[in-house]
Amino acid sequence: MQLAYRWNTFALLDAGDGEKLERWGRYVLRRPDPQALWPRLQSARYWRQADAVYHRSASGGGHWEQPTKLPAQWIIHYDALRFRIAPTGFKHTGLFPEQAVNWDWMQQQVRAAKRPVRVLNLFAYTGGATVALAAAGAHVVHVDAAKRMVQGARDNADLSGLSAAPIRYLVDDVMKFIQREQRRGNRYEAIIMDPPHYGRGPTGECWKLEDALPDLVTRCASLLADAPLFCLINSYTTGFSPQVAANLLRQQVQATHGGTVTADEIGLPVQDSDLVLPCGSFGRWVAG
């Protein structure tokens, strides 16, 4: 498992009994996490010091109880990258800190290439990867079906001093966009994706991971440039083994372009302990 351990403004303070306790800059948040099945390390009193606690609703979604009144949003940073944190009614904060593992890796790939790199970022959310790639010098096409998420990516790029970076932001259904790119003959040196298990496009298009992912990877493979650099498939779907992403990349990318495929899980270290909270999985292909 690969761990995001280089954060200074974020920390996983404790996890257990189905919850996690995190420090986001000045504020400590307490949220449910289905992977944290072991007993907590810290005392109940320690957990009660959270500035906000998320409670699930039986009808879906939930709400934040705020012993300390939180601002609507605040900023944290990772190296030179800056991100806006804004807790939502669906327990999320607008950023997945464990993805720093992938940001570091992608930046290394782009910088080592020493040539122009065009990256297609699919299901791009609020642009953590987009900002990291742009900071490394890549040209990025950022695609997400949610207008609010795409605006969040613009905000994060602006905060990181990348308002003039070559980033193209698109609110679009990923599959429809990919099909248009195939017809247009556009090509990319790198393609990354973070597909949800289930989702809706901007005009109601339905996405189901198990049905759509194989076709998506096949189509994306056809968009790779003659001298591609890397591909990344990230997933938070429960039960989605890293080996699934590896198999897809071996069949659709490695079989044509050679190179190397690796797969693993990503996680967050629990502060002051040897425990780790598993957070997701990935498959990576790198050119030889």
C-alpha atoms as a PDB file:
ATOM      1  CA  MET A   1       0.000   0.000   0.000  1.00  0.00           C
ATOM      2  CA  GLN A   2       1.228   3.486  -0.860  1.00  0.00           C
ATOM      3  CA  LEU A   3       0.711   6.159   1.788  1.00  0.00           C
ATOM      4  CA  ALA A   4       0.245   9.914   1.547  1.00  0.00           C
ATOM      5  CA  TYR A   5       2.626  10.858   4.329  1.00  0.00           C
ATOM      6  CA  ARG A   6       3.993  14.260   3.199  1.00  0.00           C
ATOM      7  CA  TRP A   7       1.086  16.450   4.318  1.00  0.00           C
ATOM      8  CA  ASN A   8       1.742  19.318   6.728  1.00  0.00           C
ATOM      9  CA  THR A   9      -1.749  20.872   6.753  1.00  0.00           C
ATOM     10  CA  PHE A  10      -3.708  17.608   6.909  1.00  0.00           C
ATOM     11  CA  ALA A  11      -3.470  14.670   9.334  1.00  0.00           C
ATOM     12  CA  LEU A  12      -5.493  11.567  10.111  1.00  0.00           C
ATOM     13  CA  LEU A  13      -5.515  11.863  13.900  1.00  0.00           C
ATOM     14  CA  ASP A  14      -7.333   8.599  14.597  1.00  0.00           C
ATOM     15  CA  ALA A  15      -9.670   6.080  12.975  1.00  0.00           C
ATOM     16  CA  GLY A  16     -11.832   3.273  14.277  1.00  0.00           C
ATOM     17  CA  ASP A  17     -15.328   2.123  15.169  1.00  0.00           C
ATOM     18  CA  GLY A  18     -16.533   3.177  11.717  1.00  0.00           C
ATOM     19  CA  GLU A  19     -15.265   6.779  11.879  1.00  0.00           C
ATOM     20  CA  LYS A  20     -12.187   8.892  11.182  1.00  0.00           C
ATOM     21  CA  LEU A  21     -10.883  11.995  12.924  1.00  0.00           C
ATOM     22  CA  GLU A  22      -8.977  14.392  10.652  1.00  0.00           C
ATOM     23  CA  ARG A  23      -7.229  17.722  10.973  1.00  0.00           C
ATOM     24  CA  TRP A  24      -7.804  19.980   7.968  1.00  0.00           C
ATOM     25  CA  GLY A  25      -5.690  23.041   8.617  1.00  0.00           C
ATOM     26  CA  ARG A  26      -7.054  24.631  11.811  1.00  0.00           C
ATOM     27  CA  TYR A  27     -10.168  22.457  12.005  1.00  0.00           C
ATOM     28  CA  VAL A  28     -10.758  18.889  13.178  1.00  0.00           C
ATOM     29  CA  LEU A  29     -13.534  16.955  11.440  1.00  0.00           C
ATOM     30  CA  ARG A  30     -15.135  13.674  12.459  1.00  0.00           C
ATOM     31  CA  ARG A  31     -16.678  11.634   9.636  1.00  0.00           C
ATOM     32  CA  PRO A  32     -17.963   8.086   9.012  1.00  0.00           C
ATOM     33  CA  ASP A  33     -15.639   5.675   7.225  1.00  0.00           C
ATOM     34  CA  PRO A  34     -16.749   2.096   6.491  1.00  0.00           C
ATOM     35  CA  GLN A  35     -13.166   0.810   6.347  1.00  0.00           C
ATOM     36  CA  ALA A  36     -12.301   1.809   9.920  1.00  0.00           C
ATOM     37  CA  LEU A  37     -13.555  -1.356  11.586  1.00  0.00           C
ATOM     38  CA  TRP A  38     -10.943  -1.649  14.353  1.00  0.00           C
ATOM     39  CA  PRO A  39     -11.247  -0.004  17.804  1.00  0.00           C
ATOM     40  CA  ARG A  40     -10.209   3.617  18.173  1.00  0.00           C
ATOM     41  CA  LEU A  41      -6.805   4.351  19.660  1.00  0.00           C
ATOM     42  CA  GLN A  42      -7.680   7.668  21.290  1.00  0.00           C
ATOM     43  CA  SER A  43     -10.143   8.291  24.113  1.00  0.00           C
ATOM     44  CA  ALA A  44     -13.761   9.353  23.645  1.00  0.00           C
ATOM     45  CA  ARG A  45     -12.803  12.695  25.177  1.00  0.00           C
ATOM     46  CA  TYR A  46     -10.195  13.206  22.465  1.00  0.00           C
ATOM     47  CA  TRP A  47     -12.782  12.518  19.763  1.00  0.00           C
ATOM     48  CA  ARG A  48     -15.259  14.926  21.343  1.00  0.00           C
ATOM     49  CA  GLN A  49     -12.844  17.786  20.646  1.00  0.00           C
ATOM     50  CA  ALA A  50     -13.799  17.718  16.946  1.00  0.00           C
ATOM     51  CA  ASP A  51     -14.898  21.077  15.554  1.00  0.00           C
ATOM     52  CA  ALA A  52     -17.582  19.360  13.439  1.00  0.00           C
ATOM     53  CA  VAL A  53     -19.166  15.900  13.384  1.00  0.00           C
ATOM     54  CA  TYR A  54     -20.951  14.430  10.377  1.00  0.00           C
ATOM     55  CA  HIS A  55     -24.158  12.470  11.058  1.00  0.00           C
ATOM     56  CA  ARG A  56     -25.702  10.282   8.389  1.00  0.00           C
ATOM     57  CA  SER A  57     -29.416  10.499   7.638  1.00  0.00           C
ATOM     58  CA  ALA A  58     -31.533   7.359   7.280  1.00  0.00           C
ATOM     59  CA  SER A  59     -33.004   8.863   4.104  1.00  0.00           C
ATOM     60  CA  GLY A  60     -29.618   9.570   2.501  1.00  0.00           C
ATOM     61  CA  GLY A  61     -27.055  12.299   2.908  1.00  0.00           C
ATOM     62  CA  GLY A  62     -26.671  13.799   6.342  1.00  0.00           C
ATOM     63  CA  HIS A  63     -25.639  16.922   8.213  1.00  0.00           C
ATOM     64  CA  TRP A  64     -22.748  18.467  10.123  1.00  0.00           C
ATOM     65  CA  GLU A  65     -23.092  19.136  13.837  1.00  0.00           C
ATOM     66  CA  GLN A  66     -20.721  22.012  14.603  1.00  0.00           C
ATOM     67  CA  PRO A  67     -19.649  22.500  18.228  1.00  0.00           C
ATOM     68  CA  THR A  68     -17.291  25.071  16.703  1.00  0.00           C
ATOM     69  CA  LYS A  69     -18.843  27.197  13.962  1.00  0.00           C
ATOM     70  CA  LEU A  70     -16.884  26.405  10.818  1.00  0.00           C
ATOM     71  CA  PRO A  71     -16.301  28.916   8.043  1.00  0.00           C
ATOM     72  CA  ALA A  72     -18.013  28.000   4.782  1.00  0.00           C
ATOM     73  CA  GLN A  73     -14.582  27.294   3.334  1.00  0.00           C
ATOM     74  CA  TRP A  74     -10.887  27.557   4.124  1.00  0.00           C
ATOM     75  CA  ILE A  75      -7.537  26.813   2.472  1.00  0.00           C
ATOM     76  CA  ILE A  76      -4.964  24.069   3.009  1.00  0.00           C
ATOM     77  CA  HIS A  77      -1.805  23.448   1.021  1.00  0.00           C
ATOM     78  CA  TYR A  78       0.369  20.602  -0.212  1.00  0.00           C
ATOM     79  CA  ASP A  79       3.810  21.844  -1.222  1.00  0.00           C
ATOM     80  CA  ALA A  80       3.028  24.806  -3.540  1.00  0.00           C
ATOM     81  CA  LEU A  81      -0.502  23.563  -4.280  1.00  0.00           C
ATOM     82  CA  ARG A  82      -3.446  25.186  -2.531  1.00  0.00           C
ATOM     83  CA  PHE A  83      -6.926  23.752  -2.145  1.00  0.00           C
ATOM     84  CA  ARG A  84     -10.248  25.113  -0.964  1.00  0.00           C
ATOM     85  CA  ILE A  85     -11.926  22.955   1.705  1.00  0.00           C
ATOM     86  CA  ALA A  86     -15.723  23.197   1.957  1.00  0.00           C
ATOM     87  CA  PRO A  87     -17.629  20.458   3.877  1.00  0.00           C
ATOM     88  CA  THR A  88     -20.767  19.294   2.083  1.00  0.00           C
ATOM     89  CA  GLY A  89     -24.012  17.603   3.081  1.00  0.00           C
ATOM     90  CA  PHE A  90     -22.630  14.328   1.729  1.00  0.00           C
ATOM     91  CA  LYS A  91     -19.703  14.250   4.237  1.00  0.00           C
ATOM     92  CA  HIS A  92     -17.071  15.220   1.650  1.00  0.00           C
ATOM     93  CA  THR A  93     -14.746  18.208   1.935  1.00  0.00           C
ATOM     94  CA  GLY A  94     -13.866  18.820  -1.725  1.00  0.00           C
ATOM     95  CA  LEU A  95     -10.514  17.034  -1.557  1.00  0.00           C
ATOM     96  CA  PHE A  96      -9.190  13.487  -1.146  1.00  0.00           C
ATOM     97  CA  PRO A  97      -5.821  13.900   0.626  1.00  0.00           C
ATOM     98  CA  GLU A  98      -4.704  10.328  -0.050  1.00  0.00           C
ATOM     99  CA  GLN A  99      -4.500  11.274  -3.727  1.00  0.00           C
ATOM    100  CA  ALA A 100      -1.240  13.085  -2.956  1.00  0.00           C
ATOM    101  CA  VAL A 101       0.332   9.681  -3.664  1.00  0.00           C
ATOM    102  CA  ASN A 102      -0.803   9.941  -7.279  1.00  0.00           C
ATOM    103  CA  TRP A 103      -0.056  13.669  -7.558  1.00  0.00           C
ATOM    104  CA  ASP A 104       3.581  13.054  -6.611  1.00  0.00           C
ATOM    105  CA  TRP A 105       3.896  10.180  -9.067  1.00  0.00           C
ATOM    106  CA  MET A 106       2.326  12.071 -11.966  1.00  0.00           C
ATOM    107  CA  GLN A 107       4.473  15.140 -11.375  1.00  0.00           C
ATOM    108  CA  GLN A 108       7.576  12.950 -11.468  1.00  0.00           C
ATOM    109  CA  GLN A 109       6.461  11.419 -14.782  1.00  0.00           C
ATOM    110  CA  VAL A 110       5.759  14.792 -16.407  1.00  0.00           C
ATOM    111  CA  ARG A 111       8.980  16.434 -15.242  1.00  0.00           C
ATOM    112  CA  ALA A 112      11.127  13.461 -16.220  1.00  0.00           C
ATOM    113  CA  ALA A 113       9.665  13.449 -19.749  1.00  0.00           C
ATOM    114  CA  LYS A 114      11.333  16.798 -20.601  1.00  0.00           C
ATOM    115  CA  ARG A 115       8.887  17.293 -23.478  1.00  0.00           C
ATOM    116  CA  PRO A 116       5.355  18.653 -23.922  1.00  0.00           C
ATOM    117  CA  VAL A 117       2.805  16.437 -22.184  1.00  0.00           C
ATOM    118  CA  ARG A 118      -0.935  16.658 -22.854  1.00  0.00           C
ATOM    119  CA  VAL A 119      -3.009  15.009 -20.127  1.00  0.00           C
ATOM    120  CA  LEU A 120      -6.689  14.079 -20.220  1.00  0.00           C
ATOM    121  CA  ASN A 121      -8.206  14.029 -16.714  1.00  0.00           C
ATOM    122  CA  LEU A 122     -11.590  12.256 -16.627  1.00  0.00           C
ATOM    123  CA  PHE A 123     -14.065  12.405 -13.717  1.00  0.00           C
ATOM    124  CA  ALA A 124     -11.699  15.137 -12.576  1.00  0.00           C
ATOM    125  CA  TYR A 125     -13.690  16.405  -9.548  1.00  0.00           C
ATOM    126  CA  THR A 126     -12.220  19.552  -7.964  1.00  0.00           C
ATOM    127  CA  GLY A 127      -8.936  19.223  -9.768  1.00  0.00           C
ATOM    128  CA  GLY A 128      -6.352  17.951  -7.306  1.00  0.00           C
ATOM    129  CA  ALA A 129      -4.631  16.016 -10.091  1.00  0.00           C
ATOM    130  CA  THR A 130      -5.242  18.799 -12.615  1.00  0.00           C
ATOM    131  CA  VAL A 131      -3.517  21.363 -10.415  1.00  0.00           C
ATOM    132  CA  ALA A 132      -0.602  19.019  -9.653  1.00  0.00           C
ATOM    133  CA  LEU A 133      -0.105  18.235 -13.348  1.00  0.00           C
ATOM    134  CA  ALA A 134      -0.313  21.867 -14.414  1.00  0.00           C
ATOM    135  CA  ALA A 135       2.206  22.812 -11.733  1.00  0.00           C
ATOM    136  CA  ALA A 136       4.589  20.232 -13.245  1.00  0.00           C
ATOM    137  CA  GLY A 137       4.209  21.822 -16.688  1.00  0.00           C
ATOM    138  CA  ALA A 138       1.566  19.632 -18.337  1.00  0.00           C
ATOM    139  CA  HIS A 139      -1.265  20.842 -20.579  1.00  0.00           C
ATOM    140  CA  VAL A 140      -4.446  19.453 -19.012  1.00  0.00           C
ATOM    141  CA  VAL A 141      -7.978  18.826 -20.298  1.00  0.00           C
ATOM    142  CA  HIS A 142     -10.198  18.603 -17.195  1.00  0.00           C
ATOM    143  CA  VAL A 143     -13.568  16.847 -17.688  1.00  0.00           C
ATOM    144  CA  ASP A 144     -16.321  16.381 -15.113  1.00  0.00           C
ATOM    145  CA  ALA A 145     -20.108  16.214 -15.415  1.00  0.00           C
ATOM    146  CA  ALA A 146     -20.721  18.474 -12.389  1.00  0.00           C
ATOM    147  CA  LYS A 147     -20.456  22.204 -13.043  1.00  0.00           C
ATOM    148  CA  ARG A 148     -19.824  22.933  -9.358  1.00  0.00           C
ATOM    149  CA  MET A 149     -16.849  20.542  -9.300  1.00  0.00           C
ATOM    150  CA  VAL A 150     -15.337  22.086 -12.414  1.00  0.00           C
ATOM    151  CA  GLN A 151     -15.650  25.534 -10.845  1.00  0.00           C
ATOM    152  CA  GLY A 152     -13.916  24.126  -7.764  1.00  0.00           C
ATOM    153  CA  ALA A 153     -11.034  23.027  -9.978  1.00  0.00           C
ATOM    154  CA  ARG A 154     -10.757  26.540 -11.428  1.00  0.00           C
ATOM    155  CA  ASP A 155     -10.694  27.956  -7.910  1.00  0.00           C
ATOM    156  CA  ASN A 156      -7.949  25.551  -6.817  1.00  0.00           C
ATOM    157  CA  ALA A 157      -5.854  26.390  -9.872  1.00  0.00           C
ATOM    158  CA  ASP A 158      -6.261  30.100  -9.161  1.00  0.00           C
ATOM    159  CA  LEU A 159      -5.285  29.605  -5.508  1.00  0.00           C
ATOM    160  CA  SER A 160      -2.182  27.710  -6.643  1.00  0.00           C
ATOM    161  CA  GLY A 161      -1.073  30.529  -8.917  1.00  0.00           C
ATOM    162  CA  LEU A 162      -2.066  28.604 -12.046  1.00  0.00           C
ATOM    163  CA  SER A 163      -4.836  30.804 -13.434  1.00  0.00           C
ATOM    164  CA  ALA A 164      -2.828  31.252 -16.651  1.00  0.00           C
ATOM    165  CA  ALA A 165      -1.761  27.591 -16.910  1.00  0.00           C
ATOM    166  CA  PRO A 166      -2.825  25.629 -20.016  1.00  0.00           C
ATOM    167  CA  ILE A 167      -5.887  23.972 -18.484  1.00  0.00           C
ATOM    168  CA  ARG A 168      -9.092  23.428 -20.447  1.00  0.00           C
ATOM    169  CA  TYR A 169     -12.141  22.958 -18.207  1.00  0.00           C
ATOM    170  CA  LEU A 170     -15.153  21.054 -19.564  1.00  0.00           C
ATOM    171  CA  VAL A 171     -18.529  20.252 -18.004  1.00  0.00           C
ATOM    172  CA  ASP A 172     -19.419  17.179 -20.012  1.00  0.00           C
ATOM    173  CA  ASP A 173     -20.420  13.524 -19.938  1.00  0.00           C
ATOM    174  CA  VAL A 174     -17.147  11.606 -20.063  1.00  0.00           C
ATOM    175  CA  MET A 175     -18.220   8.919 -22.543  1.00  0.00           C
ATOM    176  CA  LYS A 176     -19.741  11.424 -24.963  1.00  0.00           C
ATOM    177  CA  PHE A 177     -16.623  13.577 -24.760  1.00  0.00           C
ATOM    178  CA  ILE A 178     -14.351  10.586 -25.419  1.00  0.00           C
ATOM    179  CA  GLN A 179     -16.398   9.594 -28.465  1.00  0.00           C
ATOM    180  CA  ARG A 180     -16.090  13.111 -29.859  1.00  0.00           C
ATOM    181  CA  GLU A 181     -12.343  13.105 -29.236  1.00  0.00           C
ATOM    182  CA  GLN A 182     -12.069   9.848 -31.191  1.00  0.00           C
ATOM    183  CA  ARG A 183     -13.877  11.405 -34.144  1.00  0.00           C
ATOM    184  CA  ARG A 184     -11.754  14.545 -33.948  1.00  0.00           C
ATOM    185  CA  GLY A 185      -8.524  12.563 -33.831  1.00  0.00           C
ATOM    186  CA  ASN A 186      -7.194  14.300 -30.710  1.00  0.00           C
ATOM    187  CA  ARG A 187      -4.384  12.538 -28.871  1.00  0.00           C
ATOM    188  CA  TYR A 188      -2.823  12.698 -25.413  1.00  0.00           C
ATOM    189  CA  GLU A 189       0.495  11.658 -23.913  1.00  0.00           C
ATOM    190  CA  ALA A 190      -1.253  10.692 -20.656  1.00  0.00           C
ATOM    191  CA  ILE A 191      -4.791   9.819 -19.571  1.00  0.00           C
ATOM    192  CA  ILE A 192      -6.019   9.556 -15.989  1.00  0.00           C
ATOM    193  CA  MET A 193      -9.456   8.721 -14.621  1.00  0.00           C
ATOM    194  CA  ASP A 194     -11.255   8.377 -11.299  1.00  0.00           C
ATOM    195  CA  PRO A 195     -14.595   6.824 -12.300  1.00  0.00           C
ATOM    196  CA  PRO A 196     -17.382   6.589  -9.718  1.00  0.00           C
ATOM    197  CA  HIS A 197     -19.323   3.408  -9.116  1.00  0.00           C
ATOM    198  CA  TYR A 198     -22.505   5.145 -10.217  1.00  0.00           C
ATOM    199  CA  GLY A 199     -23.197   8.592 -11.580  1.00  0.00           C
ATOM    200  CA  ARG A 200     -25.233  10.859 -13.833  1.00  0.00           C
ATOM    201  CA  GLY A 201     -24.042  13.067 -16.679  1.00  0.00           C
ATOM    202  CA  PRO A 202     -25.060  16.734 -17.045  1.00  0.00           C
ATOM    203  CA  THR A 203     -28.165  15.781 -19.059  1.00  0.00           C
ATOM    204  CA  GLY A 204     -29.049  12.610 -17.138  1.00  0.00           C
ATOM    205  CA  GLU A 205     -26.658  10.124 -18.756  1.00  0.00           C
ATOM    206  CA  CYS A 206     -26.283   7.029 -16.559  1.00  0.00           C
ATOM    207  CA  TRP A 207     -22.862   5.653 -15.607  1.00  0.00           C
ATOM    208  CA  LYS A 208     -22.355   2.234 -13.987  1.00  0.00           C
ATOM    209  CA  LEU A 209     -18.739   1.234 -13.415  1.00  0.00           C
ATOM    210  CA  GLU A 210     -19.074  -2.463 -14.103  1.00  0.00           C
ATOM    211  CA  ASP A 211     -20.887  -1.839 -17.386  1.00  0.00           C
ATOM    212  CA  ALA A 212     -18.983   1.154 -18.746  1.00  0.00           C
ATOM    213  CA  LEU A 213     -15.371   0.922 -17.557  1.00  0.00           C
ATOM    214  CA  PRO A 214     -14.052  -1.678 -20.034  1.00  0.00           C
ATOM    215  CA  ASP A 215     -15.370   0.298 -23.011  1.00  0.00           C
ATOM    216  CA  LEU A 216     -14.052   3.545 -21.555  1.00  0.00           C
ATOM    217  CA  VAL A 217     -10.531   2.144 -21.154  1.00  0.00           C
ATOM    218  CA  THR A 218     -10.613   0.745 -24.690  1.00  0.00           C
ATOM    219  CA  ARG A 219     -11.658   4.107 -26.119  1.00  0.00           C
ATOM    220  CA  CYS A 220      -9.085   5.969 -24.037  1.00  0.00           C
ATOM    221  CA  ALA A 221      -6.336   3.668 -25.311  1.00  0.00           C
ATOM    222  CA  SER A 222      -7.198   4.812 -28.848  1.00  0.00           C
ATOM    223  CA  LEU A 223      -6.623   8.434 -27.763  1.00  0.00           C
ATOM    224  CA  LEU A 224      -3.013   7.874 -26.720  1.00  0.00           C
ATOM    225  CA  ALA A 225      -0.373   9.682 -28.752  1.00  0.00           C
ATOM    226  CA  ASP A 226       2.292   7.871 -30.745  1.00  0.00           C
ATOM    227  CA  ALA A 227       4.737   8.345 -27.872  1.00  0.00           C
ATOM    228  CA  PRO A 228       2.519   8.056 -24.775  1.00  0.00           C
ATOM    229  CA  LEU A 229       3.795   8.516 -21.258  1.00  0.00           C
ATOM    230  CA  PHE A 230       1.383   7.048 -18.712  1.00  0.00           C
ATOM    231  CA  CYS A 231      -2.173   6.023 -17.828  1.00  0.00           C
ATOM    232  CA  LEU A 232      -3.797   5.893 -14.404  1.00  0.00           C
ATOM    233  CA  ILE A 233      -7.076   4.314 -13.282  1.00  0.00           C
ATOM    234  CA  ASN A 234      -8.087   5.248  -9.735  1.00  0.00           C
ATOM    235  CA  SER A 235     -11.098   3.824  -7.896  1.00  0.00           C
ATOM    236  CA  TYR A 236     -12.940   4.204  -4.608  1.00  0.00           C
ATOM    237  CA  THR A 237     -15.501   1.509  -5.424  1.00  0.00           C
ATOM    238  CA  THR A 238     -15.752  -1.021  -2.595  1.00  0.00           C
ATOM    239  CA  GLY A 239     -14.539  -4.417  -3.765  1.00  0.00           C
ATOM    240  CA  PHE A 240     -12.753  -2.995  -6.822  1.00  0.00           C
ATOM    241  CA  SER A 241      -9.435  -4.824  -6.677  1.00  0.00           C
ATOM    242  CA  PRO A 242      -6.317  -3.048  -7.975  1.00  0.00           C
ATOM    243  CA  GLN A 243      -5.852  -6.089 -10.153  1.00  0.00           C
ATOM    244  CA  VAL A 244      -8.974  -5.206 -12.149  1.00  0.00           C
ATOM    245  CA  ALA A 245      -7.423  -1.909 -13.233  1.00  0.00           C
ATOM    246  CA  ALA A 246      -4.128  -3.681 -13.933  1.00  0.00           C
ATOM    247  CA  ASN A 247      -5.827  -6.265 -16.149  1.00  0.00           C
ATOM    248  CA  LEU A 248      -7.635  -3.592 -18.162  1.00  0.00           C
ATOM    249  CA  LEU A 249      -4.414  -1.650 -18.677  1.00  0.00           C
ATOM    250  CA  ARG A 250      -2.506  -4.768 -19.704  1.00  0.00           C
ATOM    251  CA  GLN A 251      -5.115  -5.719 -22.291  1.00  0.00           C
ATOM    252  CA  GLN A 252      -5.865  -2.283 -23.702  1.00  0.00           C
ATOM    253  CA  VAL A 253      -2.613  -0.329 -23.328  1.00  0.00           C
ATOM    254  CA  GLN A 254       0.377  -2.543 -22.602  1.00  0.00           C
ATOM    255  CA  ALA A 255      -0.527  -5.004 -25.357  1.00  0.00           C
ATOM    256  CA  THR A 256      -0.107  -2.217 -27.920  1.00  0.00           C
ATOM    257  CA  HIS A 257       2.437   0.134 -26.377  1.00  0.00           C
ATOM    258  CA  GLY A 258       4.576  -2.156 -24.226  1.00  0.00           C
ATOM    259  CA  GLY A 259       5.733  -0.586 -20.988  1.00  0.00           C
ATOM    260  CA  THR A 260       4.964  -1.606 -17.431  1.00  0.00           C
ATOM    261  CA  VAL A 261       1.753  -2.019 -15.417  1.00  0.00           C
ATOM    262  CA  THR A 262       1.604  -1.802 -11.631  1.00  0.00           C
ATOM    263  CA  ALA A 263      -1.320  -1.795  -9.205  1.00  0.00           C
ATOM    264  CA  ASP A 264      -1.729  -1.128  -5.519  1.00  0.00           C
ATOM    265  CA  GLU A 265      -3.886   0.418  -2.803  1.00  0.00           C
ATOM    266  CA  ILE A 266      -3.532   3.924  -1.383  1.00  0.00           C
ATOM    267  CA  GLY A 267      -4.027   4.916   2.211  1.00  0.00           C
ATOM    268  CA  LEU A 268      -3.486   7.408   4.998  1.00  0.00           C
ATOM    269  CA  PRO A 269      -1.246   6.786   8.020  1.00  0.00           C
ATOM    270  CA  VAL A 270      -2.934   7.182  11.397  1.00  0.00           C
ATOM    271  CA  GLN A 271      -0.951   9.745  13.372  1.00  0.00           C
ATOM    272  CA  ASP A 272       1.306   8.466  16.161  1.00  0.00           C
ATOM    273  CA  SER A 273       0.619   4.806  15.366  1.00  0.00           C
ATOM    274  CA  ASP A 274       1.463   2.050  12.899  1.00  0.00           C
ATOM    275  CA  LEU A 275      -2.150   1.822  11.669  1.00  0.00           C
ATOM    276  CA  VAL A 276      -3.206   2.693   8.134  1.00  0.00           C
ATOM    277  CA  LEU A 277      -6.638   3.620   6.785  1.00  0.00           C
ATOM    278  CA  PRO A 278      -7.152   2.088   3.318  1.00  0.00           C
ATOM    279  CA  CYS A 279      -8.719   4.626   0.965  1.00  0.00           C
ATOM    280  CA  GLY A 280      -8.793   3.304  -2.595  1.00  0.00           C
ATOM    281  CA  SER A 281      -6.937   1.472  -5.328  1.00  0.00           C
ATOM    282  CA  PHE A 282      -5.181   2.224  -8.588  1.00  0.00           C
ATOM    283  CA  GLY A 283      -3.629   0.730 -11.693  1.00  0.00           C
ATOM    284  CA  ARG A 284      -0.812   2.535 -13.526  1.00  0.00           C
ATOM    285  CA  TRP A 285       0.737   2.013 -16.929  1.00  0.00           C
ATOM    286  CA  VAL A 286       4.080   3.634 -17.785  1.00  0.00           C
ATOM    287  CA  ALA A 287       5.790   3.590 -21.161  1.00  0.00           C
ATOM    288  CA  GLY A 288       9.007   1.580 -21.391  1.00  0.00           C
END
